[in-house]
Amino acid sequence: MTEGNFVDYVKIHVTSGKGGQGSAHLRREKYIPKGGPDGGDGGRGGHIIIKADKNLWTLFHLKFKRHFRADHGLPGSKQTSTGADGGDVYVDVPLGTVVRDTETQEILFELTEDGEERILAEGGKGGRGNAHFKSSTNQTPRYAQPGIDGQELDFTLELKILADVGLVGFPNVGKSTLLSVITAAKPKIADYEFTTLKPNLGIVEYRDHRTFVMADIPGIIEGAAEGKGIGHRFLRHIERNSTLLFLIPADAKDIKEQYDILLDELKRYNPELLDKERLVAISKSDMLDDELKAEMKEVLDEEFHNIPYLFFSSVAQQGLMELKDKLWEMLNKETE
């Protein structure tokens, strides 16, 4: 999936159908010149319904179609015939889509199961025909109810990626390079910050034809929890990953300090993120000789305590199998 085709945020405008007009018809047949009221009810206006589809991975199909309008209900007719309901309109979205009210920014609900449906805008009710208004004092009512108008609303759809492993790190630490090396994904790679502006998904092939999904997410910066940079649009994707892989380059001034900053941003955004399995991977380790690596290990053993870490290099293809083994072990422990 190319970066340009990955759309994780879109605003839509929906208009449900108006209810049909009730009929004010009076029965007129041969030999029955003064029959009573027999006007039928109007049909219901069409709903706008949002539906989860496991075969979708992105909101790209909504990028160029953001307005949805349902059909109006048809009017009632004689012999108490009810008008036909307006056709419902479905908006298909991937699993993990969050629906917000655009005006208030309130989260309304989230779609997490295949085939799950929710009504975004209800169609208006059809008006009642004059047959409902007949009484002992008014046996030939010549009026009926109009149909109720439909709803016109704005929603914001946000996608939280469903992946097994999420790559967490500052910009330009090698997340895209790692994804391009251990999966078939082709993310944009360049030597400047914020090359990745949208998440990239890749399937990692493991031993015995087993696989797991890894997501390269836009780089985090200090202040992301407050919305700085691309802030919240990055952090919401972390919530859907069962294991977090922290990437820190071997040439960082202070590896533990970078890790603590990243952890603090996640904690401020959502403290529950700290409950996820974590692995620290030190990238670009081909720059280190054995002596320097041994010195770093002594320091890291003391600083990281119970947090697992390992060294690897995407460019030199070093430690990649060890990385996959560790991630697979963590994912299986999570499942159990």
C-alpha atoms as a PDB file:
ATOM      1  CA  MET A   1       0.000   0.000   0.000  1.00  0.00           C
ATOM      2  CA  THR A   2       1.557   3.300  -1.003  1.00  0.00           C
ATOM      3  CA  GLU A   3       1.666   6.221   1.366  1.00  0.00           C
ATOM      4  CA  GLY A   4      -0.575   8.292  -0.919  1.00  0.00           C
ATOM      5  CA  ASN A   5      -3.316   5.666  -0.847  1.00  0.00           C
ATOM      6  CA  PHE A   6      -3.378   5.416   2.922  1.00  0.00           C
ATOM      7  CA  VAL A   7      -6.102   7.734   4.193  1.00  0.00           C
ATOM      8  CA  ASP A   8      -6.795   7.531   7.935  1.00  0.00           C
ATOM      9  CA  TYR A   9      -8.831  10.707   8.470  1.00  0.00           C
ATOM     10  CA  VAL A  10     -11.814  11.989   6.505  1.00  0.00           C
ATOM     11  CA  LYS A  11     -14.875  14.202   7.059  1.00  0.00           C
ATOM     12  CA  ILE A  12     -18.226  13.218   5.559  1.00  0.00           C
ATOM     13  CA  HIS A  13     -21.576  15.008   5.167  1.00  0.00           C
ATOM     14  CA  VAL A  14     -24.718  12.851   5.323  1.00  0.00           C
ATOM     15  CA  THR A  15     -28.378  13.607   4.587  1.00  0.00           C
ATOM     16  CA  SER A  16     -31.070  11.040   5.355  1.00  0.00           C
ATOM     17  CA  GLY A  17     -34.339  10.863   3.424  1.00  0.00           C
ATOM     18  CA  LYS A  18     -37.511  12.764   4.256  1.00  0.00           C
ATOM     19  CA  GLY A  19     -40.616  10.785   5.220  1.00  0.00           C
ATOM     20  CA  GLY A  20     -43.397  10.509   2.634  1.00  0.00           C
ATOM     21  CA  GLN A  21     -46.596  12.593   2.866  1.00  0.00           C
ATOM     22  CA  GLY A  22     -49.659  10.862   4.303  1.00  0.00           C
ATOM     23  CA  SER A  23     -52.653  10.598   1.936  1.00  0.00           C
ATOM     24  CA  ALA A  24     -55.908  12.505   2.506  1.00  0.00           C
ATOM     25  CA  HIS A  25     -57.862  10.309   0.058  1.00  0.00           C
ATOM     26  CA  LEU A  26     -61.597   9.647   0.483  1.00  0.00           C
ATOM     27  CA  ARG A  27     -63.054   6.382  -0.727  1.00  0.00           C
ATOM     28  CA  ARG A  28     -65.046   6.907  -3.954  1.00  0.00           C
ATOM     29  CA  GLU A  29     -66.376   3.792  -5.691  1.00  0.00           C
ATOM     30  CA  LYS A  30     -69.414   2.856  -7.741  1.00  0.00           C
ATOM     31  CA  TYR A  31     -72.469   2.610  -5.477  1.00  0.00           C
ATOM     32  CA  ILE A  32     -70.392   4.063  -2.608  1.00  0.00           C
ATOM     33  CA  PRO A  33     -70.455   7.797  -3.395  1.00  0.00           C
ATOM     34  CA  LYS A  34     -69.590   8.864   0.140  1.00  0.00           C
ATOM     35  CA  GLY A  35     -67.079   6.358   1.470  1.00  0.00           C
ATOM     36  CA  GLY A  36     -64.909   7.167   4.465  1.00  0.00           C
ATOM     37  CA  PRO A  37     -61.256   8.229   4.563  1.00  0.00           C
ATOM     38  CA  ASP A  38     -58.845   5.597   3.208  1.00  0.00           C
ATOM     39  CA  GLY A  39     -55.593   7.545   2.859  1.00  0.00           C
ATOM     40  CA  GLY A  40     -52.435   5.517   3.636  1.00  0.00           C
ATOM     41  CA  ASP A  41     -49.291   6.508   5.537  1.00  0.00           C
ATOM     42  CA  GLY A  42     -46.168   7.863   3.881  1.00  0.00           C
ATOM     43  CA  GLY A  43     -43.031   5.690   3.720  1.00  0.00           C
ATOM     44  CA  ARG A  44     -40.001   6.202   5.952  1.00  0.00           C
ATOM     45  CA  GLY A  45     -37.066   8.170   4.552  1.00  0.00           C
ATOM     46  CA  GLY A  46     -33.843   6.246   3.892  1.00  0.00           C
ATOM     47  CA  HIS A  47     -31.232   5.895   6.640  1.00  0.00           C
ATOM     48  CA  ILE A  48     -27.501   6.589   6.239  1.00  0.00           C
ATOM     49  CA  ILE A  49     -25.809   3.520   7.755  1.00  0.00           C
ATOM     50  CA  ILE A  50     -22.107   3.009   8.458  1.00  0.00           C
ATOM     51  CA  LYS A  51     -20.853  -0.574   8.156  1.00  0.00           C
ATOM     52  CA  ALA A  52     -17.543  -2.234   9.098  1.00  0.00           C
ATOM     53  CA  ASP A  53     -15.846  -4.317   6.397  1.00  0.00           C
ATOM     54  CA  LYS A  54     -12.806  -6.480   7.263  1.00  0.00           C
ATOM     55  CA  ASN A  55     -11.626  -6.345   3.635  1.00  0.00           C
ATOM     56  CA  LEU A  56     -10.928  -2.596   3.825  1.00  0.00           C
ATOM     57  CA  TRP A  57      -7.635  -1.235   5.217  1.00  0.00           C
ATOM     58  CA  THR A  58      -7.993   2.491   4.574  1.00  0.00           C
ATOM     59  CA  LEU A  59     -10.530   5.314   4.168  1.00  0.00           C
ATOM     60  CA  PHE A  60      -9.108   6.098   0.717  1.00  0.00           C
ATOM     61  CA  HIS A  61     -12.424   5.271  -1.018  1.00  0.00           C
ATOM     62  CA  LEU A  62     -14.045   8.146   0.922  1.00  0.00           C
ATOM     63  CA  LYS A  63     -11.426  10.694  -0.082  1.00  0.00           C
ATOM     64  CA  PHE A  64     -13.337  11.784  -3.189  1.00  0.00           C
ATOM     65  CA  LYS A  65     -16.893  10.877  -2.139  1.00  0.00           C
ATOM     66  CA  ARG A  66     -17.741  12.651   1.068  1.00  0.00           C
ATOM     67  CA  HIS A  67     -21.440  13.466   0.573  1.00  0.00           C
ATOM     68  CA  PHE A  68     -24.078  10.798   1.091  1.00  0.00           C
ATOM     69  CA  ARG A  69     -27.803  11.323   0.491  1.00  0.00           C
ATOM     70  CA  ALA A  70     -30.568   8.755   1.032  1.00  0.00           C
ATOM     71  CA  ASP A  71     -33.858   8.564  -0.886  1.00  0.00           C
ATOM     72  CA  HIS A  72     -37.098  10.135   0.369  1.00  0.00           C
ATOM     73  CA  GLY A  73     -40.053   7.979   1.402  1.00  0.00           C
ATOM     74  CA  LEU A  74     -42.947   7.842  -1.082  1.00  0.00           C
ATOM     75  CA  PRO A  75     -46.384   9.288  -0.231  1.00  0.00           C
ATOM     76  CA  GLY A  76     -49.255   7.100   0.918  1.00  0.00           C
ATOM     77  CA  SER A  77     -52.157   6.381  -1.416  1.00  0.00           C
ATOM     78  CA  LYS A  78     -55.771   5.213  -1.435  1.00  0.00           C
ATOM     79  CA  GLN A  79     -57.057   2.010   0.150  1.00  0.00           C
ATOM     80  CA  THR A  80     -54.762   2.738   3.113  1.00  0.00           C
ATOM     81  CA  SER A  81     -51.712   1.819   1.039  1.00  0.00           C
ATOM     82  CA  THR A  82     -48.448   2.795   2.726  1.00  0.00           C
ATOM     83  CA  GLY A  83     -45.817   4.477   0.561  1.00  0.00           C
ATOM     84  CA  ALA A  84     -42.528   2.673  -0.045  1.00  0.00           C
ATOM     85  CA  ASP A  85     -39.595   3.423   2.279  1.00  0.00           C
ATOM     86  CA  GLY A  86     -36.676   5.385   0.873  1.00  0.00           C
ATOM     87  CA  GLY A  87     -33.584   3.294   0.051  1.00  0.00           C
ATOM     88  CA  ASP A  88     -30.906   3.165   2.756  1.00  0.00           C
ATOM     89  CA  VAL A  89     -27.355   4.231   1.887  1.00  0.00           C
ATOM     90  CA  TYR A  90     -24.355   2.340   3.318  1.00  0.00           C
ATOM     91  CA  VAL A  91     -20.936   3.817   4.080  1.00  0.00           C
ATOM     92  CA  ASP A  92     -18.361   0.995   4.254  1.00  0.00           C
ATOM     93  CA  VAL A  93     -15.324   1.523   6.491  1.00  0.00           C
ATOM     94  CA  PRO A  94     -12.415  -0.626   7.818  1.00  0.00           C
ATOM     95  CA  LEU A  95     -12.393  -2.222  11.258  1.00  0.00           C
ATOM     96  CA  GLY A  96     -10.985   0.166  13.855  1.00  0.00           C
ATOM     97  CA  THR A  97     -12.839   3.228  12.504  1.00  0.00           C
ATOM     98  CA  VAL A  98     -13.807   5.801  15.131  1.00  0.00           C
ATOM     99  CA  VAL A  99     -16.785   8.074  14.405  1.00  0.00           C
ATOM    100  CA  ARG A 100     -16.825  11.611  15.842  1.00  0.00           C
ATOM    101  CA  ASP A 101     -19.346  14.424  15.736  1.00  0.00           C
ATOM    102  CA  THR A 102     -17.464  17.009  13.643  1.00  0.00           C
ATOM    103  CA  GLU A 103     -18.991  19.973  15.475  1.00  0.00           C
ATOM    104  CA  THR A 104     -18.394  18.844  19.082  1.00  0.00           C
ATOM    105  CA  GLN A 105     -15.484  16.427  18.394  1.00  0.00           C
ATOM    106  CA  GLU A 106     -17.228  13.947  20.709  1.00  0.00           C
ATOM    107  CA  ILE A 107     -16.474  10.281  19.995  1.00  0.00           C
ATOM    108  CA  LEU A 108     -19.817   8.633  19.228  1.00  0.00           C
ATOM    109  CA  PHE A 109     -18.768   5.016  18.710  1.00  0.00           C
ATOM    110  CA  GLU A 110     -16.168   2.710  17.211  1.00  0.00           C
ATOM    111  CA  LEU A 111     -16.585  -0.137  14.727  1.00  0.00           C
ATOM    112  CA  THR A 112     -14.491  -3.182  15.619  1.00  0.00           C
ATOM    113  CA  GLU A 113     -16.400  -6.223  14.279  1.00  0.00           C
ATOM    114  CA  ASP A 114     -16.906  -7.279  10.671  1.00  0.00           C
ATOM    115  CA  GLY A 115     -20.427  -6.494   9.470  1.00  0.00           C
ATOM    116  CA  GLU A 116     -21.210  -4.220  12.444  1.00  0.00           C
ATOM    117  CA  GLU A 117     -23.721  -1.519  11.458  1.00  0.00           C
ATOM    118  CA  ARG A 118     -24.720   1.787  13.066  1.00  0.00           C
ATOM    119  CA  ILE A 119     -27.205   4.371  11.828  1.00  0.00           C
ATOM    120  CA  LEU A 120     -25.490   7.736  11.292  1.00  0.00           C
ATOM    121  CA  ALA A 121     -28.630   9.644  10.241  1.00  0.00           C
ATOM    122  CA  GLU A 122     -32.173   8.307  10.665  1.00  0.00           C
ATOM    123  CA  GLY A 123     -34.660   8.756   7.866  1.00  0.00           C
ATOM    124  CA  GLY A 124     -37.706  10.889   8.686  1.00  0.00           C
ATOM    125  CA  LYS A 125     -40.943   9.121   9.624  1.00  0.00           C
ATOM    126  CA  GLY A 126     -43.725   9.048   7.068  1.00  0.00           C
ATOM    127  CA  GLY A 127     -46.817  11.169   7.744  1.00  0.00           C
ATOM    128  CA  ARG A 128     -50.010   9.427   8.822  1.00  0.00           C
ATOM    129  CA  GLY A 129     -52.878   9.215   6.339  1.00  0.00           C
ATOM    130  CA  ASN A 130     -56.368  10.618   7.033  1.00  0.00           C
ATOM    131  CA  ALA A 131     -57.663   7.132   7.933  1.00  0.00           C
ATOM    132  CA  HIS A 132     -55.999   7.641  11.343  1.00  0.00           C
ATOM    133  CA  PHE A 133     -57.956  10.820  12.078  1.00  0.00           C
ATOM    134  CA  LYS A 134     -61.495   9.513  11.623  1.00  0.00           C
ATOM    135  CA  SER A 135     -63.621   9.941  14.726  1.00  0.00           C
ATOM    136  CA  SER A 136     -67.296   9.994  15.740  1.00  0.00           C
ATOM    137  CA  THR A 137     -67.358  13.765  15.382  1.00  0.00           C
ATOM    138  CA  ASN A 138     -65.269  13.974  12.203  1.00  0.00           C
ATOM    139  CA  GLN A 139     -66.002  11.058   9.946  1.00  0.00           C
ATOM    140  CA  THR A 140     -64.431  12.497   6.789  1.00  0.00           C
ATOM    141  CA  PRO A 141     -61.168  14.210   7.752  1.00  0.00           C
ATOM    142  CA  ARG A 142     -59.671  15.878   4.689  1.00  0.00           C
ATOM    143  CA  TYR A 143     -56.187  16.283   6.076  1.00  0.00           C
ATOM    144  CA  ALA A 144     -53.118  14.091   6.619  1.00  0.00           C
ATOM    145  CA  GLN A 145     -49.693  14.543   8.178  1.00  0.00           C
ATOM    146  CA  PRO A 146     -46.673  15.670   6.125  1.00  0.00           C
ATOM    147  CA  GLY A 147     -43.555  13.505   6.349  1.00  0.00           C
ATOM    148  CA  ILE A 148     -40.847  14.403   8.876  1.00  0.00           C
ATOM    149  CA  ASP A 149     -37.632  15.859   7.431  1.00  0.00           C
ATOM    150  CA  GLY A 150     -34.478  13.760   7.379  1.00  0.00           C
ATOM    151  CA  GLN A 151     -31.277  14.651   9.244  1.00  0.00           C
ATOM    152  CA  GLU A 152     -28.316  16.540   7.814  1.00  0.00           C
ATOM    153  CA  LEU A 153     -25.140  15.899   9.806  1.00  0.00           C
ATOM    154  CA  ASP A 154     -21.337  16.050   9.625  1.00  0.00           C
ATOM    155  CA  PHE A 155     -19.063  13.297  10.919  1.00  0.00           C
ATOM    156  CA  THR A 156     -15.313  12.821  11.192  1.00  0.00           C
ATOM    157  CA  LEU A 157     -13.985   9.313  10.598  1.00  0.00           C
ATOM    158  CA  GLU A 158     -10.622   8.321  12.053  1.00  0.00           C
ATOM    159  CA  LEU A 159      -8.887   5.010  11.512  1.00  0.00           C
ATOM    160  CA  LYS A 160      -6.861   3.335  14.242  1.00  0.00           C
ATOM    161  CA  ILE A 161      -4.607   0.766  12.604  1.00  0.00           C
ATOM    162  CA  LEU A 162      -5.051  -2.868  13.582  1.00  0.00           C
ATOM    163  CA  ALA A 163      -1.482  -4.216  13.622  1.00  0.00           C
ATOM    164  CA  ASP A 164       0.452  -6.650  15.808  1.00  0.00           C
ATOM    165  CA  VAL A 165       3.593  -4.520  16.179  1.00  0.00           C
ATOM    166  CA  GLY A 166       3.795  -0.719  16.142  1.00  0.00           C
ATOM    167  CA  LEU A 167       7.120   1.024  15.506  1.00  0.00           C
ATOM    168  CA  VAL A 168       7.633   3.906  17.937  1.00  0.00           C
ATOM    169  CA  GLY A 169      10.464   6.404  17.616  1.00  0.00           C
ATOM    170  CA  PHE A 170      11.597   9.902  16.798  1.00  0.00           C
ATOM    171  CA  PRO A 171      11.644  11.007  13.153  1.00  0.00           C
ATOM    172  CA  ASN A 172      14.421   9.608  10.976  1.00  0.00           C
ATOM    173  CA  VAL A 173      15.543   6.720  13.230  1.00  0.00           C
ATOM    174  CA  GLY A 174      15.105   4.006  10.582  1.00  0.00           C
ATOM    175  CA  LYS A 175      11.504   2.804  11.050  1.00  0.00           C
ATOM    176  CA  SER A 176      10.683   2.938   7.326  1.00  0.00           C
ATOM    177  CA  THR A 177      14.001   1.274   6.455  1.00  0.00           C
ATOM    178  CA  LEU A 178      13.295  -1.601   8.869  1.00  0.00           C
ATOM    179  CA  LEU A 179       9.800  -2.088   7.423  1.00  0.00           C
ATOM    180  CA  SER A 180      11.138  -2.113   3.859  1.00  0.00           C
ATOM    181  CA  VAL A 181      13.762  -4.745   4.775  1.00  0.00           C
ATOM    182  CA  ILE A 182      11.642  -7.272   6.728  1.00  0.00           C
ATOM    183  CA  THR A 183       8.343  -6.866   4.817  1.00  0.00           C
ATOM    184  CA  ALA A 184       7.244  -6.324   1.221  1.00  0.00           C
ATOM    185  CA  ALA A 185       6.074  -2.783   2.049  1.00  0.00           C
ATOM    186  CA  LYS A 186       7.655   0.062   0.078  1.00  0.00           C
ATOM    187  CA  PRO A 187       7.523   3.116   2.355  1.00  0.00           C
ATOM    188  CA  LYS A 188       9.026   6.451   1.349  1.00  0.00           C
ATOM    189  CA  ILE A 189      12.579   6.685   2.724  1.00  0.00           C
ATOM    190  CA  ALA A 190      14.790   9.780   2.858  1.00  0.00           C
ATOM    191  CA  ASP A 191      17.326  11.371   5.178  1.00  0.00           C
ATOM    192  CA  TYR A 192      15.125  14.061   6.679  1.00  0.00           C
ATOM    193  CA  GLU A 193      12.539  14.266   9.434  1.00  0.00           C
ATOM    194  CA  PHE A 194       8.881  13.399   8.837  1.00  0.00           C
ATOM    195  CA  THR A 195       9.449  11.434   5.639  1.00  0.00           C
ATOM    196  CA  THR A 196       6.550   9.260   6.803  1.00  0.00           C
ATOM    197  CA  LEU A 197       3.439  11.385   7.190  1.00  0.00           C
ATOM    198  CA  LYS A 198       0.974   8.487   7.192  1.00  0.00           C
ATOM    199  CA  PRO A 199       1.270   4.947   8.571  1.00  0.00           C
ATOM    200  CA  ASN A 200       2.615   2.120   6.424  1.00  0.00           C
ATOM    201  CA  LEU A 201       1.585  -1.494   6.994  1.00  0.00           C
ATOM    202  CA  GLY A 202       3.730  -4.507   6.170  1.00  0.00           C
ATOM    203  CA  ILE A 203       3.378  -8.251   6.660  1.00  0.00           C
ATOM    204  CA  VAL A 204       6.460  -9.821   8.246  1.00  0.00           C
ATOM    205  CA  GLU A 205       7.144 -13.358   7.062  1.00  0.00           C
ATOM    206  CA  TYR A 206       8.351 -15.554   9.901  1.00  0.00           C
ATOM    207  CA  ARG A 207       9.497 -19.171  10.130  1.00  0.00           C
ATOM    208  CA  ASP A 208       7.233 -21.961   8.799  1.00  0.00           C
ATOM    209  CA  HIS A 209       5.166 -19.541   6.680  1.00  0.00           C
ATOM    210  CA  ARG A 210       3.807 -17.743   9.738  1.00  0.00           C
ATOM    211  CA  THR A 211       3.257 -13.986   9.555  1.00  0.00           C
ATOM    212  CA  PHE A 212       2.465 -10.930  11.657  1.00  0.00           C
ATOM    213  CA  VAL A 213       1.594  -7.335  10.787  1.00  0.00           C
ATOM    214  CA  MET A 214       3.935  -4.421  11.521  1.00  0.00           C
ATOM    215  CA  ALA A 215       3.017  -0.743  11.254  1.00  0.00           C
ATOM    216  CA  ASP A 216       5.515   2.041  10.604  1.00  0.00           C
ATOM    217  CA  ILE A 217       3.880   5.066  12.193  1.00  0.00           C
ATOM    218  CA  PRO A 218       4.905   8.727  11.725  1.00  0.00           C
ATOM    219  CA  GLY A 219       7.757   9.716  14.032  1.00  0.00           C
ATOM    220  CA  ILE A 220       6.877  11.033  17.471  1.00  0.00           C
ATOM    221  CA  ILE A 221       8.242  14.354  18.751  1.00  0.00           C
ATOM    222  CA  GLU A 222       8.231  15.910  22.199  1.00  0.00           C
ATOM    223  CA  GLY A 223       4.848  17.508  22.785  1.00  0.00           C
ATOM    224  CA  ALA A 224       2.981  15.081  20.525  1.00  0.00           C
ATOM    225  CA  ALA A 225       0.518  14.305  23.332  1.00  0.00           C
ATOM    226  CA  GLU A 226      -0.538  17.966  23.250  1.00  0.00           C
ATOM    227  CA  GLY A 227      -0.998  17.778  19.501  1.00  0.00           C
ATOM    228  CA  LYS A 228       2.363  19.295  18.552  1.00  0.00           C
ATOM    229  CA  GLY A 229       3.633  18.319  15.101  1.00  0.00           C
ATOM    230  CA  ILE A 230       1.334  15.581  13.832  1.00  0.00           C
ATOM    231  CA  GLY A 231       0.628  14.715  17.463  1.00  0.00           C
ATOM    232  CA  HIS A 232      -2.707  12.993  18.005  1.00  0.00           C
ATOM    233  CA  ARG A 233      -2.951  11.784  14.416  1.00  0.00           C
ATOM    234  CA  PHE A 234       0.137   9.677  15.129  1.00  0.00           C
ATOM    235  CA  LEU A 235      -0.642   8.589  18.672  1.00  0.00           C
ATOM    236  CA  ARG A 236      -4.117   7.186  17.993  1.00  0.00           C
ATOM    237  CA  HIS A 237      -2.582   4.411  15.857  1.00  0.00           C
ATOM    238  CA  ILE A 238      -0.464   3.180  18.774  1.00  0.00           C
ATOM    239  CA  GLU A 239      -3.642   2.174  20.643  1.00  0.00           C
ATOM    240  CA  ARG A 240      -4.375  -0.690  18.240  1.00  0.00           C
ATOM    241  CA  ASN A 241      -0.951  -2.396  18.400  1.00  0.00           C
ATOM    242  CA  SER A 242      -0.504  -5.280  20.824  1.00  0.00           C
ATOM    243  CA  THR A 243       3.298  -4.875  21.017  1.00  0.00           C
ATOM    244  CA  LEU A 244       5.318  -1.659  20.812  1.00  0.00           C
ATOM    245  CA  LEU A 245       8.786  -1.717  19.241  1.00  0.00           C
ATOM    246  CA  PHE A 246      10.798   1.324  20.355  1.00  0.00           C
ATOM    247  CA  LEU A 247      13.450   2.208  17.773  1.00  0.00           C
ATOM    248  CA  ILE A 248      16.411   4.247  19.000  1.00  0.00           C
ATOM    249  CA  PRO A 249      19.542   4.794  16.856  1.00  0.00           C
ATOM    250  CA  ALA A 250      22.908   3.634  18.181  1.00  0.00           C
ATOM    251  CA  ASP A 251      24.331   7.145  17.627  1.00  0.00           C
ATOM    252  CA  ALA A 252      21.755   8.793  19.930  1.00  0.00           C
ATOM    253  CA  LYS A 253      23.339  11.001  22.612  1.00  0.00           C
ATOM    254  CA  ASP A 254      21.437   9.187  25.395  1.00  0.00           C
ATOM    255  CA  ILE A 255      19.457   6.043  24.521  1.00  0.00           C
ATOM    256  CA  LYS A 256      17.654   5.850  27.876  1.00  0.00           C
ATOM    257  CA  GLU A 257      16.701   9.532  27.709  1.00  0.00           C
ATOM    258  CA  GLN A 258      15.143   9.091  24.244  1.00  0.00           C
ATOM    259  CA  TYR A 259      13.229   6.040  25.490  1.00  0.00           C
ATOM    260  CA  ASP A 260      11.942   7.971  28.533  1.00  0.00           C
ATOM    261  CA  ILE A 261      10.728  10.875  26.341  1.00  0.00           C
ATOM    262  CA  LEU A 262       8.870   8.489  24.043  1.00  0.00           C
ATOM    263  CA  LEU A 263       7.345   6.676  27.002  1.00  0.00           C
ATOM    264  CA  ASP A 264       6.288   9.951  28.614  1.00  0.00           C
ATOM    265  CA  GLU A 265       4.473  11.081  25.433  1.00  0.00           C
ATOM    266  CA  LEU A 266       2.557   7.801  25.304  1.00  0.00           C
ATOM    267  CA  LYS A 267       1.693   8.037  29.000  1.00  0.00           C
ATOM    268  CA  ARG A 268       0.369  11.596  28.669  1.00  0.00           C
ATOM    269  CA  TYR A 269      -1.755  10.627  25.689  1.00  0.00           C
ATOM    270  CA  ASN A 270      -3.182   7.436  27.213  1.00  0.00           C
ATOM    271  CA  PRO A 271      -1.714   5.789  30.353  1.00  0.00           C
ATOM    272  CA  GLU A 272      -3.136   2.405  29.272  1.00  0.00           C
ATOM    273  CA  LEU A 273      -0.509   2.295  26.503  1.00  0.00           C
ATOM    274  CA  LEU A 274       2.114   1.529  29.155  1.00  0.00           C
ATOM    275  CA  ASP A 275       0.412  -1.842  29.770  1.00  0.00           C
ATOM    276  CA  LYS A 276       1.476  -3.073  26.321  1.00  0.00           C
ATOM    277  CA  GLU A 277       4.451  -5.341  25.709  1.00  0.00           C
ATOM    278  CA  ARG A 278       7.582  -3.310  24.903  1.00  0.00           C
ATOM    279  CA  LEU A 279      10.835  -4.066  23.146  1.00  0.00           C
ATOM    280  CA  VAL A 280      13.693  -1.608  22.641  1.00  0.00           C
ATOM    281  CA  ALA A 281      15.580  -2.100  19.371  1.00  0.00           C
ATOM    282  CA  ILE A 282      18.798  -0.145  18.856  1.00  0.00           C
ATOM    283  CA  SER A 283      19.111   0.531  15.132  1.00  0.00           C
ATOM    284  CA  LYS A 284      22.147   1.397  13.002  1.00  0.00           C
ATOM    285  CA  SER A 285      24.271  -0.902  15.193  1.00  0.00           C
ATOM    286  CA  ASP A 286      26.599  -1.667  12.258  1.00  0.00           C
ATOM    287  CA  MET A 287      28.268   1.618  13.279  1.00  0.00           C
ATOM    288  CA  LEU A 288      29.439  -0.032  16.524  1.00  0.00           C
ATOM    289  CA  ASP A 289      32.467  -2.278  16.931  1.00  0.00           C
ATOM    290  CA  ASP A 290      32.373  -5.191  19.390  1.00  0.00           C
ATOM    291  CA  GLU A 291      34.155  -3.264  22.147  1.00  0.00           C
ATOM    292  CA  LEU A 292      31.790  -0.288  21.974  1.00  0.00           C
ATOM    293  CA  LYS A 293      28.766  -2.593  21.835  1.00  0.00           C
ATOM    294  CA  ALA A 294      29.970  -4.423  24.970  1.00  0.00           C
ATOM    295  CA  GLU A 295      30.371  -1.104  26.811  1.00  0.00           C
ATOM    296  CA  MET A 296      26.878  -0.009  25.781  1.00  0.00           C
ATOM    297  CA  LYS A 297      25.406  -3.309  26.941  1.00  0.00           C
ATOM    298  CA  GLU A 298      26.836  -2.810  30.431  1.00  0.00           C
ATOM    299  CA  VAL A 299      25.181   0.601  30.670  1.00  0.00           C
ATOM    300  CA  LEU A 300      21.877  -0.547  29.153  1.00  0.00           C
ATOM    301  CA  ASP A 301      21.626  -3.622  31.419  1.00  0.00           C
ATOM    302  CA  GLU A 302      21.738  -1.243  34.364  1.00  0.00           C
ATOM    303  CA  GLU A 303      19.360   1.371  32.900  1.00  0.00           C
ATOM    304  CA  PHE A 304      16.681  -0.827  31.344  1.00  0.00           C
ATOM    305  CA  HIS A 305      16.313  -3.435  34.110  1.00  0.00           C
ATOM    306  CA  ASN A 306      13.394  -5.688  33.027  1.00  0.00           C
ATOM    307  CA  ILE A 307      12.838  -4.103  29.595  1.00  0.00           C
ATOM    308  CA  PRO A 308      14.179  -6.337  26.807  1.00  0.00           C
ATOM    309  CA  TYR A 309      16.482  -4.725  24.229  1.00  0.00           C
ATOM    310  CA  LEU A 310      18.586  -5.841  21.282  1.00  0.00           C
ATOM    311  CA  PHE A 311      20.899  -4.448  18.596  1.00  0.00           C
ATOM    312  CA  PHE A 312      20.219  -4.661  14.859  1.00  0.00           C
ATOM    313  CA  SER A 313      21.033  -3.018  11.540  1.00  0.00           C
ATOM    314  CA  SER A 314      18.563  -2.858   8.641  1.00  0.00           C
ATOM    315  CA  VAL A 315      21.211  -1.767   6.132  1.00  0.00           C
ATOM    316  CA  ALA A 316      23.782  -4.420   7.105  1.00  0.00           C
ATOM    317  CA  GLN A 317      21.027  -7.053   7.662  1.00  0.00           C
ATOM    318  CA  GLN A 318      22.361  -7.774  11.168  1.00  0.00           C
ATOM    319  CA  GLY A 319      20.173  -9.079  14.020  1.00  0.00           C
ATOM    320  CA  LEU A 320      16.965  -9.112  11.966  1.00  0.00           C
ATOM    321  CA  MET A 321      16.130 -12.768  12.619  1.00  0.00           C
ATOM    322  CA  GLU A 322      16.788 -12.285  16.321  1.00  0.00           C
ATOM    323  CA  LEU A 323      14.407  -9.307  16.220  1.00  0.00           C
ATOM    324  CA  LYS A 324      11.676 -11.357  14.506  1.00  0.00           C
ATOM    325  CA  ASP A 325      12.152 -14.216  16.999  1.00  0.00           C
ATOM    326  CA  LYS A 326      11.755 -11.873  19.959  1.00  0.00           C
ATOM    327  CA  LEU A 327       8.673 -10.173  18.503  1.00  0.00           C
ATOM    328  CA  TRP A 328       7.043 -13.513  17.693  1.00  0.00           C
ATOM    329  CA  GLU A 329       7.703 -14.729  21.237  1.00  0.00           C
ATOM    330  CA  MET A 330       6.140 -11.540  22.685  1.00  0.00           C
ATOM    331  CA  LEU A 331       3.095 -11.707  20.397  1.00  0.00           C
ATOM    332  CA  ASN A 332       2.430 -15.338  21.296  1.00  0.00           C
ATOM    333  CA  LYS A 333       2.779 -14.579  24.999  1.00  0.00           C
ATOM    334  CA  GLU A 334       0.241 -11.759  24.470  1.00  0.00           C
ATOM    335  CA  THR A 335      -2.174 -14.185  22.786  1.00  0.00           C
ATOM    336  CA  GLU A 336      -1.883 -16.805  25.503  1.00  0.00           C
END
